[in-house]
Amino acid sequence: MTLPLVRSMILADLEEVLVIERQVFREPWSRQSYEFELTKNRFSLPVVLEYRKMIVGHAVAWFIFDEFHIATIAIHPEYQGRGWGAYLLEAMLGMSHGADYALLEVRESNTPAIRLYQKYGFKIVGKRQAYYRNGEDALVMKKELSSGNLPAREEE
């Protein structure tokens, strides 16, 4: 099987990225949000997951001092269940050079994502009450990173 490619997101990718956003998230990011990440936020790391010349996933992370904050990560519904969410998460963590830890928020109801993050060593460290517009809480998850090493997946 041909593996997908993780590459930097460019403005021309936004149509495909926004389709995935609307299919995956109840509260998708806007075009303006992605344009900001691509053109103005110098601390942003926006990437896409490309398979056979199609964008099948994307992620955005921010470098905030010693923190690598994964702001969003998504896989197109037709490509979920193939391990590509893990593949993209691993790739993102591999780009976290210089950060002491990775942090993210996840919907409390998103059990598959929580399990994936836990598999990669993320621990629940807090909760943001009514974090999402619909009032749902977010779990805050953190992973300590060893400098210079690709963060390994924890054994199940």
N, C-alpha and C. Protein backbone atom coordinates (compact mmCIF):
# COMPACT_ATOMS: atom_id res chain seq x y z
N MET A 1 0.84 -1.20 0.00
CA MET A 1 0.00 0.00 0.00
C MET A 1 0.88 1.25 0.00
N THR A 2 0.53 2.19 -0.81
CA THR A 2 1.22 3.46 -0.85
C THR A 2 0.83 4.30 0.36
N LEU A 3 1.83 4.80 1.06
CA LEU A 3 1.55 5.64 2.22
C LEU A 3 1.25 7.06 1.77
N PRO A 4 0.42 7.77 2.54
CA PRO A 4 0.16 9.17 2.21
C PRO A 4 1.39 10.02 2.52
N LEU A 5 1.40 11.21 1.97
CA LEU A 5 2.49 12.16 2.14
C LEU A 5 2.02 13.28 3.06
N VAL A 6 2.83 13.64 4.03
CA VAL A 6 2.56 14.81 4.87
C VAL A 6 3.41 15.94 4.32
N ARG A 7 2.76 17.04 3.97
CA ARG A 7 3.48 18.19 3.42
C ARG A 7 2.88 19.49 3.95
N SER A 8 3.60 20.57 3.76
CA SER A 8 3.11 21.87 4.19
C SER A 8 1.83 22.23 3.43
N MET A 9 0.89 22.81 4.15
CA MET A 9 -0.35 23.29 3.53
C MET A 9 -0.05 24.58 2.78
N ILE A 10 -0.71 24.76 1.63
CA ILE A 10 -0.60 26.00 0.87
C ILE A 10 -2.02 26.53 0.63
N LEU A 11 -2.11 27.78 0.22
CA LEU A 11 -3.43 28.39 0.00
C LEU A 11 -4.27 27.60 -1.00
N ALA A 12 -3.64 27.03 -2.01
CA ALA A 12 -4.37 26.27 -3.02
C ALA A 12 -5.04 25.02 -2.45
N ASP A 13 -4.65 24.59 -1.26
CA ASP A 13 -5.23 23.40 -0.63
C ASP A 13 -6.54 23.70 0.10
N LEU A 14 -6.87 24.95 0.28
CA LEU A 14 -7.96 25.30 1.18
C LEU A 14 -9.33 24.75 0.80
N GLU A 15 -9.63 24.64 -0.49
CA GLU A 15 -10.94 24.10 -0.87
C GLU A 15 -11.11 22.69 -0.32
N GLU A 16 -10.10 21.85 -0.54
CA GLU A 16 -10.17 20.47 -0.07
C GLU A 16 -10.14 20.39 1.46
N VAL A 17 -9.34 21.23 2.08
CA VAL A 17 -9.26 21.27 3.55
C VAL A 17 -10.61 21.66 4.14
N LEU A 18 -11.25 22.65 3.55
CA LEU A 18 -12.55 23.11 4.08
C LEU A 18 -13.65 22.07 3.90
N VAL A 19 -13.59 21.28 2.84
CA VAL A 19 -14.55 20.18 2.68
C VAL A 19 -14.41 19.21 3.83
N ILE A 20 -13.18 18.85 4.16
CA ILE A 20 -12.93 17.93 5.28
C ILE A 20 -13.41 18.57 6.58
N GLU A 21 -13.08 19.83 6.79
CA GLU A 21 -13.51 20.54 8.00
C GLU A 21 -15.01 20.42 8.22
N ARG A 22 -15.77 20.70 7.15
CA ARG A 22 -17.24 20.69 7.28
C ARG A 22 -17.78 19.28 7.51
N GLN A 23 -17.09 18.28 7.00
CA GLN A 23 -17.56 16.91 7.17
C GLN A 23 -17.19 16.32 8.53
N VAL A 24 -16.11 16.80 9.11
CA VAL A 24 -15.59 16.20 10.34
C VAL A 24 -16.02 16.93 11.61
N PHE A 25 -16.09 18.25 11.54
CA PHE A 25 -16.31 19.04 12.75
C PHE A 25 -17.67 19.72 12.79
N ARG A 26 -18.26 19.73 13.97
CA ARG A 26 -19.52 20.47 14.19
C ARG A 26 -19.29 21.97 14.11
N GLU A 27 -18.09 22.39 14.50
CA GLU A 27 -17.72 23.81 14.47
C GLU A 27 -16.44 23.96 13.65
N PRO A 28 -16.55 23.88 12.33
CA PRO A 28 -15.34 23.91 11.49
C PRO A 28 -14.65 25.28 11.51
N TRP A 29 -13.36 25.23 11.29
CA TRP A 29 -12.61 26.47 11.13
C TRP A 29 -13.05 27.12 9.82
N SER A 30 -12.95 28.43 9.76
CA SER A 30 -13.32 29.18 8.57
C SER A 30 -12.13 29.31 7.61
N ARG A 31 -12.45 29.68 6.39
CA ARG A 31 -11.39 29.97 5.40
C ARG A 31 -10.45 31.04 5.95
N GLN A 32 -11.02 32.07 6.58
CA GLN A 32 -10.20 33.16 7.12
C GLN A 32 -9.23 32.65 8.19
N SER A 33 -9.67 31.69 8.98
CA SER A 33 -8.79 31.12 10.01
C SER A 33 -7.59 30.43 9.36
N TYR A 34 -7.86 29.64 8.34
CA TYR A 34 -6.76 28.95 7.66
C TYR A 34 -5.86 29.94 6.92
N GLU A 35 -6.45 30.95 6.30
CA GLU A 35 -5.64 31.96 5.61
C GLU A 35 -4.72 32.66 6.61
N PHE A 36 -5.22 32.94 7.80
CA PHE A 36 -4.39 33.55 8.84
C PHE A 36 -3.23 32.62 9.20
N GLU A 37 -3.53 31.34 9.38
CA GLU A 37 -2.47 30.39 9.75
C GLU A 37 -1.41 30.31 8.65
N LEU A 38 -1.83 30.39 7.41
CA LEU A 38 -0.90 30.25 6.28
C LEU A 38 -0.11 31.52 5.97
N THR A 39 -0.69 32.67 6.25
CA THR A 39 -0.05 33.92 5.80
C THR A 39 0.43 34.85 6.90
N LYS A 40 -0.12 34.72 8.10
CA LYS A 40 0.21 35.70 9.13
C LYS A 40 0.78 35.13 10.42
N ASN A 41 0.42 33.90 10.76
CA ASN A 41 0.86 33.34 12.03
C ASN A 41 2.22 32.66 11.88
N ARG A 42 3.26 33.33 12.29
CA ARG A 42 4.61 32.79 12.11
C ARG A 42 4.92 31.64 13.07
N PHE A 43 4.04 31.37 14.02
CA PHE A 43 4.22 30.27 14.96
C PHE A 43 3.42 29.03 14.55
N SER A 44 2.79 29.09 13.39
CA SER A 44 1.89 28.04 12.93
C SER A 44 2.60 27.02 12.06
N LEU A 45 2.16 25.76 12.21
CA LEU A 45 2.64 24.67 11.36
C LEU A 45 1.41 23.99 10.76
N PRO A 46 0.93 24.47 9.60
CA PRO A 46 -0.21 23.83 8.93
C PRO A 46 0.28 22.81 7.91
N VAL A 47 -0.26 21.59 7.97
CA VAL A 47 0.14 20.53 7.05
C VAL A 47 -1.10 19.84 6.48
N VAL A 48 -0.90 19.15 5.38
CA VAL A 48 -1.95 18.31 4.81
C VAL A 48 -1.41 16.90 4.66
N LEU A 49 -2.34 15.97 4.63
CA LEU A 49 -2.05 14.56 4.37
C LEU A 49 -2.58 14.30 2.97
N GLU A 50 -1.69 13.96 2.05
CA GLU A 50 -2.05 13.80 0.65
C GLU A 50 -1.89 12.34 0.24
N TYR A 51 -2.90 11.83 -0.44
CA TYR A 51 -2.87 10.46 -0.93
C TYR A 51 -3.38 10.46 -2.36
N ARG A 52 -2.54 9.96 -3.25
CA ARG A 52 -2.89 9.93 -4.68
C ARG A 52 -3.39 11.27 -5.19
N LYS A 53 -2.65 12.31 -4.82
CA LYS A 53 -2.90 13.69 -5.26
C LYS A 53 -4.19 14.30 -4.70
N MET A 54 -4.77 13.65 -3.68
CA MET A 54 -5.96 14.19 -3.00
C MET A 54 -5.59 14.47 -1.55
N ILE A 55 -6.15 15.55 -1.02
CA ILE A 55 -5.95 15.84 0.39
C ILE A 55 -6.97 15.03 1.18
N VAL A 56 -6.47 14.18 2.06
CA VAL A 56 -7.34 13.29 2.84
C VAL A 56 -7.29 13.62 4.33
N GLY A 57 -6.47 14.59 4.70
CA GLY A 57 -6.40 15.00 6.09
C GLY A 57 -5.58 16.27 6.22
N HIS A 58 -5.64 16.85 7.40
CA HIS A 58 -4.87 18.06 7.65
C HIS A 58 -4.71 18.26 9.16
N ALA A 59 -3.76 19.11 9.50
CA ALA A 59 -3.52 19.45 10.90
C ALA A 59 -2.87 20.82 10.97
N VAL A 60 -3.07 21.46 12.12
CA VAL A 60 -2.40 22.73 12.41
C VAL A 60 -1.88 22.64 13.84
N ALA A 61 -0.63 23.03 14.01
CA ALA A 61 -0.06 23.11 15.36
C ALA A 61 0.62 24.47 15.50
N TRP A 62 0.78 24.89 16.75
CA TRP A 62 1.44 26.16 17.05
C TRP A 62 2.61 25.91 17.97
N PHE A 63 3.69 26.61 17.73
CA PHE A 63 4.83 26.62 18.64
C PHE A 63 4.65 27.80 19.58
N ILE A 64 4.40 27.52 20.85
CA ILE A 64 4.18 28.57 21.85
C ILE A 64 5.21 28.35 22.96
N PHE A 65 6.31 29.10 22.89
CA PHE A 65 7.43 28.92 23.81
C PHE A 65 7.89 27.47 23.81
N ASP A 66 7.74 26.75 24.92
CA ASP A 66 8.19 25.36 24.99
C ASP A 66 7.07 24.37 24.68
N GLU A 67 5.94 24.88 24.22
CA GLU A 67 4.76 24.05 23.95
C GLU A 67 4.54 23.87 22.46
N PHE A 68 4.16 22.65 22.08
CA PHE A 68 3.72 22.33 20.72
C PHE A 68 2.23 22.07 20.85
N HIS A 69 1.42 23.04 20.47
CA HIS A 69 -0.03 22.96 20.67
C HIS A 69 -0.69 22.49 19.37
N ILE A 70 -1.26 21.29 19.41
CA ILE A 70 -1.97 20.77 18.25
C ILE A 70 -3.37 21.36 18.27
N ALA A 71 -3.61 22.29 17.34
CA ALA A 71 -4.85 23.06 17.33
C ALA A 71 -5.98 22.32 16.63
N THR A 72 -5.65 21.57 15.59
CA THR A 72 -6.67 20.79 14.88
C THR A 72 -6.00 19.67 14.12
N ILE A 73 -6.73 18.59 13.99
CA ILE A 73 -6.26 17.44 13.21
C ILE A 73 -7.51 16.73 12.70
N ALA A 74 -7.53 16.40 11.42
CA ALA A 74 -8.73 15.79 10.83
C ALA A 74 -8.36 14.87 9.67
N ILE A 75 -9.14 13.81 9.55
CA ILE A 75 -9.02 12.88 8.43
C ILE A 75 -10.40 12.81 7.75
N HIS A 76 -10.41 12.87 6.43
CA HIS A 76 -11.65 12.77 5.67
C HIS A 76 -12.39 11.51 6.10
N PRO A 77 -13.72 11.58 6.30
CA PRO A 77 -14.48 10.41 6.76
C PRO A 77 -14.27 9.15 5.92
N GLU A 78 -14.12 9.29 4.61
CA GLU A 78 -13.92 8.11 3.74
C GLU A 78 -12.57 7.43 3.96
N TYR A 79 -11.64 8.12 4.62
CA TYR A 79 -10.30 7.58 4.84
C TYR A 79 -10.03 7.27 6.31
N GLN A 80 -11.02 7.44 7.16
CA GLN A 80 -10.86 7.10 8.56
C GLN A 80 -10.83 5.59 8.72
N GLY A 81 -10.24 5.13 9.79
CA GLY A 81 -10.16 3.70 10.05
C GLY A 81 -9.01 3.00 9.36
N ARG A 82 -8.12 3.75 8.72
CA ARG A 82 -6.97 3.17 8.02
C ARG A 82 -5.66 3.40 8.78
N GLY A 83 -5.75 4.04 9.94
CA GLY A 83 -4.55 4.35 10.71
C GLY A 83 -3.91 5.66 10.30
N TRP A 84 -4.57 6.41 9.43
CA TRP A 84 -3.96 7.64 8.93
C TRP A 84 -4.03 8.79 9.93
N GLY A 85 -4.99 8.75 10.85
CA GLY A 85 -5.01 9.73 11.93
C GLY A 85 -3.76 9.57 12.79
N ALA A 86 -3.42 8.32 13.10
CA ALA A 86 -2.21 8.02 13.86
C ALA A 86 -0.97 8.44 13.06
N TYR A 87 -0.98 8.15 11.77
CA TYR A 87 0.13 8.51 10.89
C TYR A 87 0.36 10.02 10.90
N LEU A 88 -0.73 10.79 10.80
CA LEU A 88 -0.63 12.25 10.79
C LEU A 88 -0.20 12.76 12.16
N LEU A 89 -0.75 12.21 13.23
CA LEU A 89 -0.35 12.62 14.58
C LEU A 89 1.14 12.35 14.80
N GLU A 90 1.61 11.17 14.39
CA GLU A 90 3.03 10.84 14.51
C GLU A 90 3.89 11.83 13.74
N ALA A 91 3.46 12.16 12.53
CA ALA A 91 4.21 13.12 11.71
C ALA A 91 4.27 14.48 12.40
N MET A 92 3.14 14.90 12.95
CA MET A 92 3.11 16.20 13.65
C MET A 92 4.06 16.18 14.85
N LEU A 93 3.99 15.12 15.64
CA LEU A 93 4.86 15.04 16.81
C LEU A 93 6.33 15.01 16.38
N GLY A 94 6.60 14.43 15.24
CA GLY A 94 7.96 14.43 14.72
C GLY A 94 8.45 15.80 14.28
N MET A 95 7.55 16.74 14.14
CA MET A 95 7.90 18.11 13.76
C MET A 95 7.94 19.05 14.97
N SER A 96 7.87 18.48 16.17
CA SER A 96 7.76 19.30 17.38
C SER A 96 9.11 19.71 17.95
N HIS A 97 10.13 19.74 17.12
CA HIS A 97 11.51 20.02 17.55
C HIS A 97 11.59 21.24 18.46
N GLY A 98 12.24 21.07 19.59
CA GLY A 98 12.46 22.17 20.51
C GLY A 98 11.39 22.33 21.57
N ALA A 99 10.27 21.66 21.41
CA ALA A 99 9.19 21.77 22.40
C ALA A 99 9.42 20.75 23.51
N ASP A 100 9.03 21.12 24.72
CA ASP A 100 9.15 20.22 25.87
C ASP A 100 7.94 19.32 26.00
N TYR A 101 6.80 19.81 25.50
CA TYR A 101 5.57 19.01 25.60
C TYR A 101 4.60 19.40 24.50
N ALA A 102 3.68 18.48 24.21
CA ALA A 102 2.60 18.72 23.25
C ALA A 102 1.31 18.83 24.05
N LEU A 103 0.44 19.71 23.61
CA LEU A 103 -0.83 19.95 24.28
C LEU A 103 -1.93 20.02 23.23
N LEU A 104 -3.13 19.57 23.60
CA LEU A 104 -4.28 19.69 22.71
C LEU A 104 -5.56 19.66 23.52
N GLU A 105 -6.63 20.10 22.91
CA GLU A 105 -7.97 19.97 23.48
C GLU A 105 -8.76 19.04 22.59
N VAL A 106 -9.64 18.25 23.21
CA VAL A 106 -10.47 17.33 22.46
C VAL A 106 -11.85 17.28 23.11
N ARG A 107 -12.87 17.17 22.29
CA ARG A 107 -14.23 17.05 22.83
C ARG A 107 -14.30 15.87 23.79
N GLU A 108 -14.94 16.09 24.91
CA GLU A 108 -15.07 15.03 25.90
C GLU A 108 -15.79 13.81 25.33
N SER A 109 -16.65 14.03 24.34
CA SER A 109 -17.41 12.93 23.72
C SER A 109 -16.66 12.21 22.60
N ASN A 110 -15.49 12.70 22.22
CA ASN A 110 -14.76 12.13 21.08
C ASN A 110 -13.85 10.98 21.54
N THR A 111 -14.48 9.89 21.91
CA THR A 111 -13.76 8.74 22.45
C THR A 111 -12.69 8.19 21.51
N PRO A 112 -12.95 8.04 20.19
CA PRO A 112 -11.88 7.52 19.32
C PRO A 112 -10.63 8.41 19.33
N ALA A 113 -10.82 9.72 19.32
CA ALA A 113 -9.66 10.62 19.33
C ALA A 113 -8.94 10.54 20.67
N ILE A 114 -9.68 10.49 21.76
CA ILE A 114 -9.06 10.39 23.08
C ILE A 114 -8.22 9.13 23.17
N ARG A 115 -8.74 8.02 22.68
CA ARG A 115 -7.99 6.74 22.68
C ARG A 115 -6.71 6.86 21.85
N LEU A 116 -6.83 7.48 20.69
CA LEU A 116 -5.65 7.66 19.84
C LEU A 116 -4.58 8.47 20.57
N TYR A 117 -4.98 9.58 21.15
CA TYR A 117 -4.02 10.43 21.85
C TYR A 117 -3.39 9.68 23.03
N GLN A 118 -4.19 8.92 23.75
CA GLN A 118 -3.65 8.15 24.86
C GLN A 118 -2.65 7.11 24.38
N LYS A 119 -2.91 6.51 23.23
CA LYS A 119 -1.98 5.53 22.66
C LYS A 119 -0.61 6.15 22.42
N TYR A 120 -0.59 7.43 22.12
CA TYR A 120 0.65 8.15 21.86
C TYR A 120 1.19 8.86 23.08
N GLY A 121 0.70 8.50 24.26
CA GLY A 121 1.27 9.01 25.50
C GLY A 121 0.67 10.28 26.04
N PHE A 122 -0.41 10.77 25.44
CA PHE A 122 -1.08 11.95 25.98
C PHE A 122 -1.86 11.55 27.23
N LYS A 123 -1.81 12.40 28.22
CA LYS A 123 -2.55 12.20 29.47
C LYS A 123 -3.54 13.35 29.63
N ILE A 124 -4.70 13.04 30.21
CA ILE A 124 -5.68 14.09 30.51
C ILE A 124 -5.16 14.87 31.70
N VAL A 125 -5.00 16.19 31.52
CA VAL A 125 -4.46 17.02 32.59
C VAL A 125 -5.45 18.09 33.05
N GLY A 126 -6.59 18.17 32.39
CA GLY A 126 -7.57 19.17 32.78
C GLY A 126 -8.80 19.13 31.90
N LYS A 127 -9.68 20.05 32.21
CA LYS A 127 -10.93 20.15 31.46
C LYS A 127 -11.25 21.63 31.29
N ARG A 128 -11.68 22.00 30.10
CA ARG A 128 -12.15 23.37 29.84
C ARG A 128 -13.67 23.30 29.76
N GLN A 129 -14.32 23.88 30.75
CA GLN A 129 -15.78 23.85 30.84
C GLN A 129 -16.39 24.64 29.68
N ALA A 130 -17.40 24.07 29.06
CA ALA A 130 -18.15 24.73 27.98
C ALA A 130 -17.22 25.36 26.94
N TYR A 131 -16.18 24.65 26.57
CA TYR A 131 -15.17 25.13 25.64
C TYR A 131 -15.71 25.33 24.23
N TYR A 132 -16.61 24.44 23.83
CA TYR A 132 -17.17 24.52 22.48
C TYR A 132 -18.47 25.31 22.49
N ARG A 133 -18.81 25.86 21.33
CA ARG A 133 -20.01 26.72 21.22
C ARG A 133 -21.29 26.04 21.68
N ASN A 134 -21.36 24.72 21.54
CA ASN A 134 -22.57 24.02 21.96
C ASN A 134 -22.58 23.72 23.45
N GLY A 135 -21.55 24.20 24.16
CA GLY A 135 -21.49 24.01 25.60
C GLY A 135 -20.73 22.78 26.05
N GLU A 136 -20.28 21.96 25.09
CA GLU A 136 -19.55 20.74 25.46
C GLU A 136 -18.18 21.10 26.04
N ASP A 137 -17.77 20.29 27.02
CA ASP A 137 -16.47 20.48 27.64
C ASP A 137 -15.37 19.90 26.75
N ALA A 138 -14.17 20.43 26.92
CA ALA A 138 -12.99 19.89 26.25
C ALA A 138 -12.06 19.30 27.29
N LEU A 139 -11.49 18.17 26.98
CA LEU A 139 -10.44 17.62 27.80
C LEU A 139 -9.12 18.20 27.30
N VAL A 140 -8.26 18.59 28.23
CA VAL A 140 -6.93 19.07 27.89
C VAL A 140 -5.99 17.88 28.06
N MET A 141 -5.25 17.57 27.01
CA MET A 141 -4.35 16.43 27.04
C MET A 141 -2.92 16.90 26.76
N LYS A 142 -1.99 16.29 27.47
CA LYS A 142 -0.59 16.72 27.40
C LYS A 142 0.32 15.51 27.26
N LYS A 143 1.38 15.69 26.49
CA LYS A 143 2.39 14.66 26.32
C LYS A 143 3.76 15.31 26.51
N GLU A 144 4.55 14.74 27.40
CA GLU A 144 5.93 15.19 27.56
C GLU A 144 6.72 14.71 26.35
N LEU A 145 7.58 15.57 25.82
CA LEU A 145 8.38 15.23 24.66
C LEU A 145 9.84 15.13 25.06
N SER A 146 10.52 14.13 24.56
CA SER A 146 11.96 14.03 24.80
C SER A 146 12.65 14.77 23.67
N SER A 147 13.48 15.71 24.02
CA SER A 147 14.08 16.58 23.00
C SER A 147 14.89 15.78 21.99
N GLY A 148 14.59 16.06 20.74
CA GLY A 148 15.31 15.46 19.63
C GLY A 148 14.83 14.08 19.21
N ASN A 149 13.93 13.49 19.96
CA ASN A 149 13.46 12.14 19.62
C ASN A 149 12.04 12.19 19.11
N LEU A 150 11.74 11.30 18.18
CA LEU A 150 10.37 11.15 17.72
C LEU A 150 9.56 10.54 18.86
N PRO A 151 8.51 11.21 19.31
CA PRO A 151 7.71 10.66 20.39
C PRO A 151 7.11 9.31 20.00
N ALA A 152 7.38 8.31 20.79
CA ALA A 152 6.93 6.97 20.49
C ALA A 152 5.53 6.71 21.00
N ARG A 153 4.86 5.80 20.32
CA ARG A 153 3.54 5.37 20.74
C ARG A 153 3.71 4.44 21.94
N GLU A 154 2.84 4.60 22.92
CA GLU A 154 2.88 3.72 24.08
C GLU A 154 2.27 2.38 23.70
N GLU A 155 2.75 1.32 24.32
CA GLU A 155 2.21 -0.01 24.08
C GLU A 155 0.81 -0.10 24.65
N GLU A 156 -0.03 -0.87 23.99
CA GLU A 156 -1.42 -1.01 24.45
C GLU A 156 -1.49 -2.00 25.58
